[in-house]
Amino acid sequence: FGVVTPDLSRVLSDADMIVSVLPSTPSTRGLLDAGRLSACGKDKLFINVGRGDVVSEQSLLDALAQGWLRGAVLDVFPQEPLPATSALWAHPSV
């Protein structure tokens, strides 16, 4: 602890699990995009209890399809309530 790094991609690749508790600010909206999620490597668990707009629904679905994430536990979404048409409702890894 006590170590701060500007290299988020490296932190994501080293982590076993990603827990987002980030607020919604101009610098965090869309922060976890497809490029950053691809840096996760393979088989990470993603938990979002911060704000939903930190990661887009499509980026999350792509990361699950590519195997960068093995699952997602979501308490928040980019649009709330989550629309009935969202693919997240039926995704087996969510």
Protein backbone atom coordinates (compact mmCIF):
# COMPACT_ATOMS: atom_id res chain seq x y z
CA PHE A 1 0.00 0.00 0.00
CA GLY A 2 1.11 3.58 -0.27
CA VAL A 3 2.06 3.05 -3.92
CA VAL A 4 0.31 5.13 -6.55
CA THR A 5 0.72 4.37 -10.23
CA PRO A 6 -0.57 6.20 -13.28
CA ASP A 7 -0.49 2.89 -15.20
CA LEU A 8 -4.06 1.63 -14.79
CA SER A 9 -3.57 -1.04 -17.47
CA ARG A 10 -0.74 -2.61 -15.46
CA VAL A 11 -2.81 -2.60 -12.28
CA LEU A 12 -5.71 -4.27 -14.13
CA SER A 13 -3.43 -6.95 -15.57
CA ASP A 14 -1.92 -7.73 -12.15
CA ALA A 15 -5.26 -7.91 -10.32
CA ASP A 16 -7.25 -11.08 -9.70
CA MET A 17 -10.43 -9.09 -9.20
CA ILE A 18 -11.47 -5.57 -10.14
CA VAL A 19 -13.78 -3.70 -7.77
CA SER A 20 -14.93 -0.32 -9.01
CA VAL A 21 -16.13 2.13 -6.36
CA LEU A 22 -15.38 5.18 -8.49
CA PRO A 23 -17.62 8.25 -8.53
CA SER A 24 -19.03 9.67 -11.73
CA THR A 25 -16.78 12.56 -12.74
CA PRO A 26 -15.57 13.88 -16.09
CA SER A 27 -12.33 11.92 -15.62
CA THR A 28 -13.97 8.61 -14.63
CA ARG A 29 -16.86 8.41 -17.12
CA GLY A 30 -15.94 5.68 -19.59
CA LEU A 31 -12.62 5.08 -17.83
CA LEU A 32 -12.98 1.30 -18.04
CA ASP A 33 -13.42 1.09 -21.79
CA ALA A 34 -12.70 -1.87 -24.07
CA GLY A 35 -9.01 -0.97 -24.24
CA ARG A 36 -8.60 -0.93 -20.49
CA LEU A 37 -10.70 -4.06 -20.00
CA SER A 38 -8.62 -5.91 -22.59
CA ALA A 39 -5.59 -5.15 -20.39
CA CYS A 40 -7.17 -7.33 -17.72
CA GLY A 41 -5.77 -10.37 -19.46
CA LYS A 42 -8.05 -13.32 -18.88
CA ASP A 43 -10.52 -14.56 -16.35
CA LYS A 44 -10.96 -11.59 -13.99
CA LEU A 45 -14.03 -10.91 -11.91
CA PHE A 46 -15.45 -7.39 -12.19
CA ILE A 47 -17.56 -5.87 -9.42
CA ASN A 48 -19.10 -2.43 -9.83
CA VAL A 49 -20.65 -0.74 -6.82
CA GLY A 50 -19.52 2.78 -7.74
CA ARG A 51 -21.18 4.54 -10.63
CA GLY A 52 -22.48 2.82 -13.72
CA ASP A 53 -21.05 5.21 -16.28
CA VAL A 54 -17.46 4.26 -15.43
CA VAL A 55 -17.88 1.32 -17.83
CA SER A 56 -20.18 1.11 -20.85
CA GLU A 57 -22.57 -1.78 -21.20
CA GLN A 58 -21.09 -2.71 -24.59
CA SER A 59 -17.51 -2.67 -23.28
CA LEU A 60 -18.57 -4.94 -20.44
CA LEU A 61 -20.36 -7.36 -22.78
CA ASP A 62 -17.35 -7.40 -25.12
CA ALA A 63 -14.97 -8.09 -22.21
CA LEU A 64 -17.12 -11.02 -21.11
CA ALA A 65 -17.31 -12.40 -24.66
CA GLN A 66 -13.53 -12.13 -25.09
CA GLY A 67 -12.85 -13.83 -21.76
CA TRP A 68 -11.09 -10.79 -20.27
CA LEU A 69 -13.70 -11.00 -17.53
CA ARG A 70 -15.11 -14.28 -16.26
CA GLY A 71 -18.02 -12.58 -14.60
CA ALA A 72 -19.53 -9.30 -13.52
CA VAL A 73 -21.34 -8.43 -10.31
CA LEU A 74 -23.20 -5.18 -10.93
CA ASP A 75 -25.06 -2.97 -8.49
CA VAL A 76 -25.04 0.03 -10.84
CA PHE A 77 -25.55 0.59 -14.55
CA PRO A 78 -24.99 3.37 -17.08
CA GLN A 79 -28.77 3.74 -17.32
CA GLU A 80 -30.89 3.10 -14.25
CA PRO A 81 -33.08 1.33 -13.94
CA LEU A 82 -31.50 -1.14 -16.32
CA PRO A 83 -33.76 -1.33 -19.40
CA ALA A 84 -35.65 -4.57 -19.88
CA THR A 85 -34.01 -4.86 -23.31
CA SER A 86 -30.47 -4.90 -21.90
CA ALA A 87 -28.40 -7.95 -22.79
CA LEU A 88 -27.04 -7.93 -19.24
CA TRP A 89 -30.30 -9.41 -17.93
CA ALA A 90 -29.82 -12.68 -19.80
CA HIS A 91 -26.03 -12.92 -19.81
CA PRO A 92 -24.94 -16.07 -17.93
CA SER A 93 -21.83 -14.41 -16.48
CA VAL A 94 -23.65 -11.45 -14.95
